[in-house]
Amino acid sequence: MYMTIPQALTFSIAGIPYFGVETCGFNGNADIELCTRWMQLSAFFPLYRNHNSRNTIAQEAFRWATTAEATRRVMDVRFRLLPYQYTLSHAAHKRGETVLRALSWKFPDDKSLKSVNNQFMLGPSILTTPVLAPLLRVSQGVFPGAPHTRWYDWYTLKEVHAQPGQNITLDAPLEHIPVHVRGGSIIASQKPGSTTKTTRMNPWSILVALDGKREAEGELYLDDGVSQEPTKIKEIKFSFANATLTTSMTGSYEDTNALANITIASWVQDNSLVECSAVKIMSGGRGVDSGNVKITSDNSAVHVTGLEDVARAFHSNLSISFM
């Protein structure tokens, strides 16, 4: 299992982004702990499958209750990130970019990252720190670019406070894999359905993870998800600056899903939570009534909900100001 990370990065730098392994192992019998940790790790690879030979015991995730629960949790993350990973795959196809990345590729000025082989990044924004040894309930990892680069826990959106090169111990009970989001990123996601098709029919959520300048950016690629050579596509650029989220899009593909909610991580200034009591929404250059929108906050994050009736997410350019 440990070797799958350097294998994945080798394939990635060689221009083969669609990578996956025989999760839980092909030869030899897996056990509950090995299979659980491997199902968590492989969930962040483009190809995700559990596969073994006929001469070993059955190792499907449902064979062990703990493995099944851990797999459900990590598949929730995987499915929420499918639009993000689909966008990465498009960039790999069109621009030769990598999907899975070594930390040193994103932060080349930090020479110490060359030796890191127990962590990897999914695109420019997601950092994964899996447990790679038996009987451990913690994992250890570095947070590249810290303290100037901000990192947030995927599950809680709490900021990680790290120093350059500091190896931080992260809680990792058997059902949990530590995942973090880089500050300065904007990620569009959808609530998981039972299949990728039903997931694509769900409303959109947007996560804005602010950097030290209270800014962020991101992108999203959309097509019908079926055609090998789609004739209609849409490319969306996200930008957050001056307390305003804007989208700029090109292409003719029509996505009819609503925008459900927006979450902004680290909505703070001078270490204090900044009040946000209203939003101003423009869609296609026209003002939109935001009367049903609700604004709440926790863990230094602001959550804006009730946007479903306001506008379709990617029908026209949006401008949403937070006041």
C-alpha atoms as a PDB file:
ATOM      1  CA  MET A   1       0.000   0.000   0.000  1.00  0.00           C
ATOM      2  CA  TYR A   2       2.794   2.408   0.909  1.00  0.00           C
ATOM      3  CA  MET A   3       4.362   2.046  -2.532  1.00  0.00           C
ATOM      4  CA  THR A   4       1.194   3.043  -4.364  1.00  0.00           C
ATOM      5  CA  ILE A   5       1.906   6.724  -3.654  1.00  0.00           C
ATOM      6  CA  PRO A   6       5.314   6.877  -5.409  1.00  0.00           C
ATOM      7  CA  GLN A   7       3.866   4.631  -8.134  1.00  0.00           C
ATOM      8  CA  ALA A   8       0.976   7.059  -8.637  1.00  0.00           C
ATOM      9  CA  LEU A   9       3.303  10.048  -8.816  1.00  0.00           C
ATOM     10  CA  THR A  10       5.616   8.254 -11.251  1.00  0.00           C
ATOM     11  CA  PHE A  11       2.724   7.531 -13.601  1.00  0.00           C
ATOM     12  CA  SER A  12       1.521  11.108 -13.200  1.00  0.00           C
ATOM     13  CA  ILE A  13       4.826  12.751 -14.130  1.00  0.00           C
ATOM     14  CA  ALA A  14       5.137  10.293 -17.044  1.00  0.00           C
ATOM     15  CA  GLY A  15       1.908  11.665 -18.522  1.00  0.00           C
ATOM     16  CA  ILE A  16      -0.420   8.816 -17.485  1.00  0.00           C
ATOM     17  CA  PRO A  17      -2.958  10.528 -15.219  1.00  0.00           C
ATOM     18  CA  TYR A  18      -5.588   7.760 -15.121  1.00  0.00           C
ATOM     19  CA  PHE A  19      -3.993   5.725 -12.361  1.00  0.00           C
ATOM     20  CA  GLY A  20      -5.331   3.186  -9.897  1.00  0.00           C
ATOM     21  CA  VAL A  21      -4.259   0.085  -8.013  1.00  0.00           C
ATOM     22  CA  GLU A  22      -5.711  -3.223  -6.884  1.00  0.00           C
ATOM     23  CA  THR A  23      -6.980  -1.812  -3.629  1.00  0.00           C
ATOM     24  CA  CYS A  24      -6.589  -4.070  -0.577  1.00  0.00           C
ATOM     25  CA  GLY A  25      -3.974  -6.061  -2.528  1.00  0.00           C
ATOM     26  CA  PHE A  26      -4.118  -8.673  -5.279  1.00  0.00           C
ATOM     27  CA  ASN A  27      -2.022 -11.500  -3.816  1.00  0.00           C
ATOM     28  CA  GLY A  28      -2.183 -12.476  -0.164  1.00  0.00           C
ATOM     29  CA  ASN A  29      -5.029 -12.152   2.298  1.00  0.00           C
ATOM     30  CA  ALA A  30      -6.104  -8.701   3.405  1.00  0.00           C
ATOM     31  CA  ASP A  31      -7.331  -7.950   6.908  1.00  0.00           C
ATOM     32  CA  ILE A  32      -9.689  -5.346   8.311  1.00  0.00           C
ATOM     33  CA  GLU A  33      -7.033  -2.745   9.015  1.00  0.00           C
ATOM     34  CA  LEU A  34      -5.105  -3.075   5.757  1.00  0.00           C
ATOM     35  CA  CYS A  35      -8.241  -3.001   3.637  1.00  0.00           C
ATOM     36  CA  THR A  36      -9.762  -0.086   5.561  1.00  0.00           C
ATOM     37  CA  ARG A  37      -6.688   2.108   5.202  1.00  0.00           C
ATOM     38  CA  TRP A  38      -6.232   1.123   1.564  1.00  0.00           C
ATOM     39  CA  MET A  39      -9.843   1.912   0.671  1.00  0.00           C
ATOM     40  CA  GLN A  40      -9.284   5.365   2.176  1.00  0.00           C
ATOM     41  CA  LEU A  41      -6.056   5.984   0.293  1.00  0.00           C
ATOM     42  CA  SER A  42      -7.259   4.781  -3.110  1.00  0.00           C
ATOM     43  CA  ALA A  43     -10.382   6.947  -2.957  1.00  0.00           C
ATOM     44  CA  PHE A  44      -8.212   9.876  -4.068  1.00  0.00           C
ATOM     45  CA  PHE A  45      -6.824   8.083  -7.129  1.00  0.00           C
ATOM     46  CA  PRO A  46      -8.597   8.628 -10.471  1.00  0.00           C
ATOM     47  CA  LEU A  47      -9.306   4.866 -10.772  1.00  0.00           C
ATOM     48  CA  TYR A  48     -10.840   3.387  -7.609  1.00  0.00           C
ATOM     49  CA  ARG A  49     -11.453  -0.341  -7.361  1.00  0.00           C
ATOM     50  CA  ASN A  50     -11.049  -3.240  -4.936  1.00  0.00           C
ATOM     51  CA  HIS A  51      -9.586  -6.276  -6.742  1.00  0.00           C
ATOM     52  CA  ASN A  52      -7.838  -9.518  -5.806  1.00  0.00           C
ATOM     53  CA  SER A  53      -7.042 -13.001  -7.076  1.00  0.00           C
ATOM     54  CA  ARG A  54      -9.212 -16.103  -6.689  1.00  0.00           C
ATOM     55  CA  ASN A  55      -6.726 -17.651  -4.297  1.00  0.00           C
ATOM     56  CA  THR A  56      -7.275 -15.120  -1.512  1.00  0.00           C
ATOM     57  CA  ILE A  57     -10.106 -14.469   0.920  1.00  0.00           C
ATOM     58  CA  ALA A  58     -12.937 -12.130  -0.066  1.00  0.00           C
ATOM     59  CA  GLN A  59     -12.010  -8.516   0.631  1.00  0.00           C
ATOM     60  CA  GLU A  60     -14.976  -6.411  -0.446  1.00  0.00           C
ATOM     61  CA  ALA A  61     -15.473  -3.404   1.814  1.00  0.00           C
ATOM     62  CA  PHE A  62     -18.715  -4.826   3.219  1.00  0.00           C
ATOM     63  CA  ARG A  63     -16.873  -7.876   4.647  1.00  0.00           C
ATOM     64  CA  TRP A  64     -15.944  -5.835   7.718  1.00  0.00           C
ATOM     65  CA  ALA A  65     -18.339  -3.344   9.311  1.00  0.00           C
ATOM     66  CA  THR A  66     -15.559  -0.885  10.118  1.00  0.00           C
ATOM     67  CA  THR A  67     -14.214  -1.056   6.575  1.00  0.00           C
ATOM     68  CA  ALA A  68     -17.695  -0.488   5.192  1.00  0.00           C
ATOM     69  CA  GLU A  69     -18.218   2.585   7.375  1.00  0.00           C
ATOM     70  CA  ALA A  70     -14.781   4.001   6.542  1.00  0.00           C
ATOM     71  CA  THR A  71     -15.448   3.433   2.839  1.00  0.00           C
ATOM     72  CA  ARG A  72     -18.827   5.183   3.011  1.00  0.00           C
ATOM     73  CA  ARG A  73     -17.184   8.188   4.642  1.00  0.00           C
ATOM     74  CA  VAL A  74     -14.317   8.478   2.189  1.00  0.00           C
ATOM     75  CA  MET A  75     -16.584   7.842  -0.803  1.00  0.00           C
ATOM     76  CA  ASP A  76     -18.650  10.806   0.353  1.00  0.00           C
ATOM     77  CA  VAL A  77     -15.505  12.918  -0.014  1.00  0.00           C
ATOM     78  CA  ARG A  78     -14.640  11.301  -3.351  1.00  0.00           C
ATOM     79  CA  PHE A  79     -18.087  11.906  -4.820  1.00  0.00           C
ATOM     80  CA  ARG A  80     -18.158  15.519  -3.609  1.00  0.00           C
ATOM     81  CA  LEU A  81     -14.828  16.042  -5.364  1.00  0.00           C
ATOM     82  CA  LEU A  82     -15.866  14.406  -8.645  1.00  0.00           C
ATOM     83  CA  PRO A  83     -16.453  17.764 -10.444  1.00  0.00           C
ATOM     84  CA  TYR A  84     -13.049  18.919  -9.179  1.00  0.00           C
ATOM     85  CA  GLN A  85     -11.355  15.712 -10.341  1.00  0.00           C
ATOM     86  CA  TYR A  86     -13.212  15.834 -13.674  1.00  0.00           C
ATOM     87  CA  THR A  87     -11.843  19.350 -14.152  1.00  0.00           C
ATOM     88  CA  LEU A  88      -8.337  18.107 -13.371  1.00  0.00           C
ATOM     89  CA  SER A  89      -8.724  15.336 -15.937  1.00  0.00           C
ATOM     90  CA  HIS A  90      -9.790  17.870 -18.560  1.00  0.00           C
ATOM     91  CA  ALA A  91      -6.705  19.985 -17.767  1.00  0.00           C
ATOM     92  CA  ALA A  92      -4.533  16.866 -18.067  1.00  0.00           C
ATOM     93  CA  HIS A  93      -6.056  16.105 -21.467  1.00  0.00           C
ATOM     94  CA  LYS A  94      -5.890  19.633 -22.846  1.00  0.00           C
ATOM     95  CA  ARG A  95      -2.842  21.139 -21.160  1.00  0.00           C
ATOM     96  CA  GLY A  96      -0.818  18.156 -20.006  1.00  0.00           C
ATOM     97  CA  GLU A  97      -1.260  18.996 -16.336  1.00  0.00           C
ATOM     98  CA  THR A  98      -1.018  16.412 -13.577  1.00  0.00           C
ATOM     99  CA  VAL A  99      -3.939  15.097 -11.534  1.00  0.00           C
ATOM    100  CA  LEU A 100      -1.985  13.528  -8.664  1.00  0.00           C
ATOM    101  CA  ARG A 101       0.936  15.661  -7.532  1.00  0.00           C
ATOM    102  CA  ALA A 102       3.929  15.434  -5.241  1.00  0.00           C
ATOM    103  CA  LEU A 103       4.112  18.209  -2.676  1.00  0.00           C
ATOM    104  CA  SER A 104       7.424  19.406  -4.132  1.00  0.00           C
ATOM    105  CA  TRP A 105       5.832  19.976  -7.540  1.00  0.00           C
ATOM    106  CA  LYS A 106       3.405  22.514  -6.112  1.00  0.00           C
ATOM    107  CA  PHE A 107       6.004  24.035  -3.766  1.00  0.00           C
ATOM    108  CA  PRO A 108       9.323  23.652  -5.639  1.00  0.00           C
ATOM    109  CA  ASP A 109      11.213  26.202  -3.529  1.00  0.00           C
ATOM    110  CA  ASP A 110      10.988  23.999  -0.424  1.00  0.00           C
ATOM    111  CA  LYS A 111      13.790  21.465  -0.911  1.00  0.00           C
ATOM    112  CA  SER A 112      12.720  19.423   2.131  1.00  0.00           C
ATOM    113  CA  LEU A 113       9.560  18.325   0.332  1.00  0.00           C
ATOM    114  CA  LYS A 114      11.547  16.183  -2.109  1.00  0.00           C
ATOM    115  CA  SER A 115      11.745  13.412   0.475  1.00  0.00           C
ATOM    116  CA  VAL A 116       8.029  13.392   1.343  1.00  0.00           C
ATOM    117  CA  ASN A 117       6.520  10.131   0.080  1.00  0.00           C
ATOM    118  CA  ASN A 118       3.698   9.556   2.566  1.00  0.00           C
ATOM    119  CA  GLN A 119       1.516  12.433   1.356  1.00  0.00           C
ATOM    120  CA  PHE A 120       0.270  13.630  -2.012  1.00  0.00           C
ATOM    121  CA  MET A 121      -1.950  16.269  -3.535  1.00  0.00           C
ATOM    122  CA  LEU A 122      -5.010  15.853  -5.709  1.00  0.00           C
ATOM    123  CA  GLY A 123      -4.644  18.801  -8.030  1.00  0.00           C
ATOM    124  CA  PRO A 124      -3.527  22.138  -6.586  1.00  0.00           C
ATOM    125  CA  SER A 125      -5.958  22.242  -3.674  1.00  0.00           C
ATOM    126  CA  ILE A 126      -6.399  18.887  -1.859  1.00  0.00           C
ATOM    127  CA  LEU A 127      -3.732  17.437   0.459  1.00  0.00           C
ATOM    128  CA  THR A 128      -4.089  13.811   1.600  1.00  0.00           C
ATOM    129  CA  THR A 129      -2.221  12.377   4.587  1.00  0.00           C
ATOM    130  CA  PRO A 130      -3.136   8.664   4.825  1.00  0.00           C
ATOM    131  CA  VAL A 131      -2.232   6.167   7.523  1.00  0.00           C
ATOM    132  CA  LEU A 132       0.283   3.757   6.003  1.00  0.00           C
ATOM    133  CA  ALA A 133       1.260   1.496   8.902  1.00  0.00           C
ATOM    134  CA  PRO A 134      -0.750  -0.992  10.995  1.00  0.00           C
ATOM    135  CA  LEU A 135      -2.280  -0.261  14.413  1.00  0.00           C
ATOM    136  CA  LEU A 136      -1.860   3.507  14.145  1.00  0.00           C
ATOM    137  CA  ARG A 137      -4.654   5.933  14.991  1.00  0.00           C
ATOM    138  CA  VAL A 138      -2.726   9.012  13.912  1.00  0.00           C
ATOM    139  CA  SER A 139      -0.878  10.097  10.801  1.00  0.00           C
ATOM    140  CA  GLN A 140       1.947  12.574  10.416  1.00  0.00           C
ATOM    141  CA  GLY A 141       2.496  15.093   7.695  1.00  0.00           C
ATOM    142  CA  VAL A 142       3.831  18.483   6.718  1.00  0.00           C
ATOM    143  CA  PHE A 143       1.860  21.440   5.413  1.00  0.00           C
ATOM    144  CA  PRO A 144       3.857  22.932   2.553  1.00  0.00           C
ATOM    145  CA  GLY A 145       4.136  26.669   2.320  1.00  0.00           C
ATOM    146  CA  ALA A 146       3.160  27.180   5.967  1.00  0.00           C
ATOM    147  CA  PRO A 147       2.662  29.569   7.601  1.00  0.00           C
ATOM    148  CA  HIS A 148       2.175  31.768   4.529  1.00  0.00           C
ATOM    149  CA  THR A 149       0.022  29.150   2.813  1.00  0.00           C
ATOM    150  CA  ARG A 150      -3.116  28.371   4.793  1.00  0.00           C
ATOM    151  CA  TRP A 151      -4.480  24.856   5.153  1.00  0.00           C
ATOM    152  CA  TYR A 152      -7.959  23.863   6.352  1.00  0.00           C
ATOM    153  CA  ASP A 153      -9.334  20.577   7.607  1.00  0.00           C
ATOM    154  CA  TRP A 154     -11.739  19.311   4.916  1.00  0.00           C
ATOM    155  CA  TYR A 155     -14.280  18.085   7.456  1.00  0.00           C
ATOM    156  CA  THR A 156     -14.345  20.990   9.928  1.00  0.00           C
ATOM    157  CA  LEU A 157     -12.751  23.858   7.963  1.00  0.00           C
ATOM    158  CA  LYS A 158     -10.601  24.647  10.976  1.00  0.00           C
ATOM    159  CA  GLU A 159      -7.267  26.179  10.002  1.00  0.00           C
ATOM    160  CA  VAL A 160      -4.101  24.200  10.678  1.00  0.00           C
ATOM    161  CA  HIS A 161      -1.369  26.242  12.329  1.00  0.00           C
ATOM    162  CA  ALA A 162       1.964  24.867  11.143  1.00  0.00           C
ATOM    163  CA  GLN A 163       5.523  26.047  10.735  1.00  0.00           C
ATOM    164  CA  PRO A 164       7.869  25.345   7.790  1.00  0.00           C
ATOM    165  CA  GLY A 165       8.923  21.701   7.766  1.00  0.00           C
ATOM    166  CA  GLN A 166       6.974  20.899  10.915  1.00  0.00           C
ATOM    167  CA  ASN A 167       5.719  17.314  11.066  1.00  0.00           C
ATOM    168  CA  ILE A 168       2.265  17.526  12.614  1.00  0.00           C
ATOM    169  CA  THR A 169       0.460  14.592  14.193  1.00  0.00           C
ATOM    170  CA  LEU A 170      -3.123  14.295  12.957  1.00  0.00           C
ATOM    171  CA  ASP A 171      -5.915  12.304  14.555  1.00  0.00           C
ATOM    172  CA  ALA A 172      -6.827   9.385  12.304  1.00  0.00           C
ATOM    173  CA  PRO A 173      -9.150   6.824  13.905  1.00  0.00           C
ATOM    174  CA  LEU A 174      -9.699   3.763  11.757  1.00  0.00           C
ATOM    175  CA  GLU A 175     -12.749   5.209   9.986  1.00  0.00           C
ATOM    176  CA  HIS A 176     -11.013   8.518   9.159  1.00  0.00           C
ATOM    177  CA  ILE A 177      -8.398   9.792   6.682  1.00  0.00           C
ATOM    178  CA  PRO A 178      -7.006  13.328   7.140  1.00  0.00           C
ATOM    179  CA  VAL A 179      -7.735  15.599   4.170  1.00  0.00           C
ATOM    180  CA  HIS A 180      -6.951  19.310   3.907  1.00  0.00           C
ATOM    181  CA  VAL A 181      -7.788  22.162   1.551  1.00  0.00           C
ATOM    182  CA  ARG A 182      -5.230  24.760   0.493  1.00  0.00           C
ATOM    183  CA  GLY A 183      -6.067  28.363   1.231  1.00  0.00           C
ATOM    184  CA  GLY A 184      -6.630  30.352  -1.936  1.00  0.00           C
ATOM    185  CA  SER A 185      -8.785  27.617  -3.501  1.00  0.00           C
ATOM    186  CA  ILE A 186     -12.381  27.589  -4.708  1.00  0.00           C
ATOM    187  CA  ILE A 187     -13.966  24.174  -5.176  1.00  0.00           C
ATOM    188  CA  ALA A 188     -17.402  23.461  -6.639  1.00  0.00           C
ATOM    189  CA  SER A 189     -19.040  20.231  -5.500  1.00  0.00           C
ATOM    190  CA  GLN A 190     -22.328  18.352  -5.473  1.00  0.00           C
ATOM    191  CA  LYS A 191     -23.977  16.271  -2.763  1.00  0.00           C
ATOM    192  CA  PRO A 192     -23.298  12.601  -3.487  1.00  0.00           C
ATOM    193  CA  GLY A 193     -26.067  10.489  -4.975  1.00  0.00           C
ATOM    194  CA  SER A 194     -26.098   6.723  -5.302  1.00  0.00           C
ATOM    195  CA  THR A 195     -24.412   6.965  -8.733  1.00  0.00           C
ATOM    196  CA  THR A 196     -22.386   9.532 -10.628  1.00  0.00           C
ATOM    197  CA  LYS A 197     -25.472  10.217 -12.763  1.00  0.00           C
ATOM    198  CA  THR A 198     -27.683  11.077  -9.803  1.00  0.00           C
ATOM    199  CA  THR A 199     -24.858  13.090  -8.246  1.00  0.00           C
ATOM    200  CA  ARG A 200     -24.664  15.245 -11.375  1.00  0.00           C
ATOM    201  CA  MET A 201     -28.357  16.110 -10.938  1.00  0.00           C
ATOM    202  CA  ASN A 202     -27.903  17.619  -7.468  1.00  0.00           C
ATOM    203  CA  PRO A 203     -27.547  21.338  -6.642  1.00  0.00           C
ATOM    204  CA  TRP A 204     -24.115  22.910  -6.446  1.00  0.00           C
ATOM    205  CA  SER A 205     -22.100  23.900  -3.404  1.00  0.00           C
ATOM    206  CA  ILE A 206     -19.121  26.244  -3.529  1.00  0.00           C
ATOM    207  CA  LEU A 207     -16.301  26.166  -0.983  1.00  0.00           C
ATOM    208  CA  VAL A 208     -14.117  29.268  -0.790  1.00  0.00           C
ATOM    209  CA  ALA A 209     -10.936  28.659   1.233  1.00  0.00           C
ATOM    210  CA  LEU A 210      -9.368  32.077   1.732  1.00  0.00           C
ATOM    211  CA  ASP A 211      -5.653  32.756   1.664  1.00  0.00           C
ATOM    212  CA  GLY A 212      -3.837  35.331   3.772  1.00  0.00           C
ATOM    213  CA  LYS A 213      -5.010  38.133   1.481  1.00  0.00           C
ATOM    214  CA  ARG A 214      -8.656  37.013   1.836  1.00  0.00           C
ATOM    215  CA  GLU A 215      -8.651  35.925  -1.798  1.00  0.00           C
ATOM    216  CA  ALA A 216      -9.171  32.661  -3.683  1.00  0.00           C
ATOM    217  CA  GLU A 217      -9.615  31.281  -7.192  1.00  0.00           C
ATOM    218  CA  GLY A 218     -10.634  28.084  -8.929  1.00  0.00           C
ATOM    219  CA  GLU A 219     -12.078  26.575 -12.076  1.00  0.00           C
ATOM    220  CA  LEU A 220     -14.682  24.071 -13.189  1.00  0.00           C
ATOM    221  CA  TYR A 221     -15.142  22.145 -16.439  1.00  0.00           C
ATOM    222  CA  LEU A 222     -18.566  20.806 -17.447  1.00  0.00           C
ATOM    223  CA  ASP A 223     -19.904  18.653 -20.262  1.00  0.00           C
ATOM    224  CA  ASP A 224     -22.542  15.925 -20.568  1.00  0.00           C
ATOM    225  CA  GLY A 225     -20.271  13.425 -18.809  1.00  0.00           C
ATOM    226  CA  VAL A 226     -20.917  10.743 -21.436  1.00  0.00           C
ATOM    227  CA  SER A 227     -19.647  11.785 -24.868  1.00  0.00           C
ATOM    228  CA  GLN A 228     -16.049  10.925 -25.721  1.00  0.00           C
ATOM    229  CA  GLU A 229     -15.833  14.078 -27.822  1.00  0.00           C
ATOM    230  CA  PRO A 230     -18.466  16.469 -26.425  1.00  0.00           C
ATOM    231  CA  THR A 231     -19.659  19.170 -28.779  1.00  0.00           C
ATOM    232  CA  LYS A 232     -20.863  21.440 -25.962  1.00  0.00           C
ATOM    233  CA  ILE A 233     -18.760  22.272 -22.933  1.00  0.00           C
ATOM    234  CA  LYS A 234     -18.614  24.997 -20.315  1.00  0.00           C
ATOM    235  CA  GLU A 235     -15.575  26.339 -18.492  1.00  0.00           C
ATOM    236  CA  ILE A 236     -16.069  28.438 -15.359  1.00  0.00           C
ATOM    237  CA  LYS A 237     -13.480  30.591 -13.626  1.00  0.00           C
ATOM    238  CA  PHE A 238     -14.054  31.470  -9.970  1.00  0.00           C
ATOM    239  CA  SER A 239     -12.546  34.450  -8.210  1.00  0.00           C
ATOM    240  CA  PHE A 240     -12.954  35.821  -4.704  1.00  0.00           C
ATOM    241  CA  ALA A 241     -11.590  39.249  -3.786  1.00  0.00           C
ATOM    242  CA  ASN A 242     -12.844  42.302  -1.923  1.00  0.00           C
ATOM    243  CA  ALA A 243     -15.517  40.146  -0.227  1.00  0.00           C
ATOM    244  CA  THR A 244     -17.063  39.306  -3.603  1.00  0.00           C
ATOM    245  CA  LEU A 245     -17.354  35.943  -5.361  1.00  0.00           C
ATOM    246  CA  THR A 246     -17.511  36.185  -9.148  1.00  0.00           C
ATOM    247  CA  THR A 247     -17.852  33.614 -11.895  1.00  0.00           C
ATOM    248  CA  SER A 248     -16.835  34.015 -15.515  1.00  0.00           C
ATOM    249  CA  MET A 249     -17.855  31.337 -17.957  1.00  0.00           C
ATOM    250  CA  THR A 250     -17.434  30.382 -21.582  1.00  0.00           C
ATOM    251  CA  GLY A 251     -19.074  27.644 -23.641  1.00  0.00           C
ATOM    252  CA  SER A 252     -22.564  26.551 -24.602  1.00  0.00           C
ATOM    253  CA  TYR A 253     -23.197  23.532 -22.368  1.00  0.00           C
ATOM    254  CA  GLU A 254     -26.290  24.077 -20.210  1.00  0.00           C
ATOM    255  CA  ASP A 255     -26.146  22.992 -16.592  1.00  0.00           C
ATOM    256  CA  THR A 256     -29.609  23.428 -15.045  1.00  0.00           C
ATOM    257  CA  ASN A 257     -28.726  22.718 -11.418  1.00  0.00           C
ATOM    258  CA  ALA A 258     -29.289  25.368  -8.783  1.00  0.00           C
ATOM    259  CA  LEU A 259     -26.681  26.861  -6.489  1.00  0.00           C
ATOM    260  CA  ALA A 260     -27.545  25.545  -3.024  1.00  0.00           C
ATOM    261  CA  ASN A 261     -24.940  27.074  -0.725  1.00  0.00           C
ATOM    262  CA  ILE A 262     -21.612  28.847  -0.374  1.00  0.00           C
ATOM    263  CA  THR A 263     -19.133  28.282   2.447  1.00  0.00           C
ATOM    264  CA  ILE A 264     -16.210  30.625   3.115  1.00  0.00           C
ATOM    265  CA  ALA A 265     -13.403  29.312   5.308  1.00  0.00           C
ATOM    266  CA  SER A 266     -11.439  31.739   7.493  1.00  0.00           C
ATOM    267  CA  TRP A 267     -13.896  34.607   7.368  1.00  0.00           C
ATOM    268  CA  VAL A 268     -11.737  36.406   9.915  1.00  0.00           C
ATOM    269  CA  GLN A 269      -9.692  39.543  10.178  1.00  0.00           C
ATOM    270  CA  ASP A 270      -7.117  40.233  12.907  1.00  0.00           C
ATOM    271  CA  ASN A 271      -7.984  36.796  14.373  1.00  0.00           C
ATOM    272  CA  SER A 272     -11.622  37.790  14.894  1.00  0.00           C
ATOM    273  CA  LEU A 273     -14.711  36.540  13.080  1.00  0.00           C
ATOM    274  CA  VAL A 274     -15.967  39.182  10.670  1.00  0.00           C
ATOM    275  CA  GLU A 275     -19.699  39.729  10.733  1.00  0.00           C
ATOM    276  CA  CYS A 276     -21.598  38.914   7.558  1.00  0.00           C
ATOM    277  CA  SER A 277     -25.255  39.895   7.685  1.00  0.00           C
ATOM    278  CA  ALA A 278     -26.268  40.211   4.048  1.00  0.00           C
ATOM    279  CA  VAL A 279     -25.384  39.266   0.490  1.00  0.00           C
ATOM    280  CA  LYS A 280     -25.895  41.120  -2.758  1.00  0.00           C
ATOM    281  CA  ILE A 281     -26.430  38.833  -5.741  1.00  0.00           C
ATOM    282  CA  MET A 282     -26.090  39.752  -9.413  1.00  0.00           C
ATOM    283  CA  SER A 283     -26.867  37.216 -12.127  1.00  0.00           C
ATOM    284  CA  GLY A 284     -26.088  38.135 -15.713  1.00  0.00           C
ATOM    285  CA  GLY A 285     -25.653  41.769 -14.638  1.00  0.00           C
ATOM    286  CA  ARG A 286     -29.085  41.941 -12.984  1.00  0.00           C
ATOM    287  CA  GLY A 287     -29.875  42.155  -9.311  1.00  0.00           C
ATOM    288  CA  VAL A 288     -31.542  39.122  -7.727  1.00  0.00           C
ATOM    289  CA  ASP A 289     -33.768  39.077  -4.643  1.00  0.00           C
ATOM    290  CA  SER A 290     -31.927  37.394  -1.781  1.00  0.00           C
ATOM    291  CA  GLY A 291     -34.726  37.493   0.773  1.00  0.00           C
ATOM    292  CA  ASN A 292     -34.700  33.743   1.561  1.00  0.00           C
ATOM    293  CA  VAL A 293     -30.948  33.500   1.999  1.00  0.00           C
ATOM    294  CA  LYS A 294     -29.686  32.483   5.455  1.00  0.00           C
ATOM    295  CA  ILE A 295     -26.247  33.303   6.849  1.00  0.00           C
ATOM    296  CA  THR A 296     -24.651  31.413   9.735  1.00  0.00           C
ATOM    297  CA  SER A 297     -21.109  31.019  11.038  1.00  0.00           C
ATOM    298  CA  ASP A 298     -18.963  28.509  12.966  1.00  0.00           C
ATOM    299  CA  ASN A 299     -15.279  27.590  13.215  1.00  0.00           C
ATOM    300  CA  SER A 300     -14.415  30.944  11.615  1.00  0.00           C
ATOM    301  CA  ALA A 301     -16.398  29.953   8.516  1.00  0.00           C
ATOM    302  CA  VAL A 302     -19.461  31.598   7.013  1.00  0.00           C
ATOM    303  CA  HIS A 303     -22.240  29.459   5.535  1.00  0.00           C
ATOM    304  CA  VAL A 304     -24.718  30.953   3.067  1.00  0.00           C
ATOM    305  CA  THR A 305     -27.724  28.714   2.393  1.00  0.00           C
ATOM    306  CA  GLY A 306     -31.142  29.043   0.779  1.00  0.00           C
ATOM    307  CA  LEU A 307     -29.762  29.971  -2.618  1.00  0.00           C
ATOM    308  CA  GLU A 308     -31.717  27.335  -4.578  1.00  0.00           C
ATOM    309  CA  ASP A 309     -34.497  29.743  -5.584  1.00  0.00           C
ATOM    310  CA  VAL A 310     -32.147  32.609  -6.396  1.00  0.00           C
ATOM    311  CA  ALA A 311     -30.448  31.533  -9.612  1.00  0.00           C
ATOM    312  CA  ARG A 312     -29.086  28.602 -11.540  1.00  0.00           C
ATOM    313  CA  ALA A 313     -25.465  28.114 -10.606  1.00  0.00           C
ATOM    314  CA  PHE A 314     -23.796  28.299 -14.006  1.00  0.00           C
ATOM    315  CA  HIS A 315     -26.445  29.682 -16.358  1.00  0.00           C
ATOM    316  CA  SER A 316     -24.890  33.148 -16.436  1.00  0.00           C
ATOM    317  CA  ASN A 317     -22.067  35.024 -14.739  1.00  0.00           C
ATOM    318  CA  LEU A 318     -22.607  35.559 -11.030  1.00  0.00           C
ATOM    319  CA  SER A 319     -21.406  38.234  -8.646  1.00  0.00           C
ATOM    320  CA  ILE A 320     -22.117  37.678  -4.957  1.00  0.00           C
ATOM    321  CA  SER A 321     -20.945  40.277  -2.447  1.00  0.00           C
ATOM    322  CA  PHE A 322     -20.806  39.538   1.276  1.00  0.00           C
ATOM    323  CA  MET A 323     -21.595  42.456   3.566  1.00  0.00           C
END
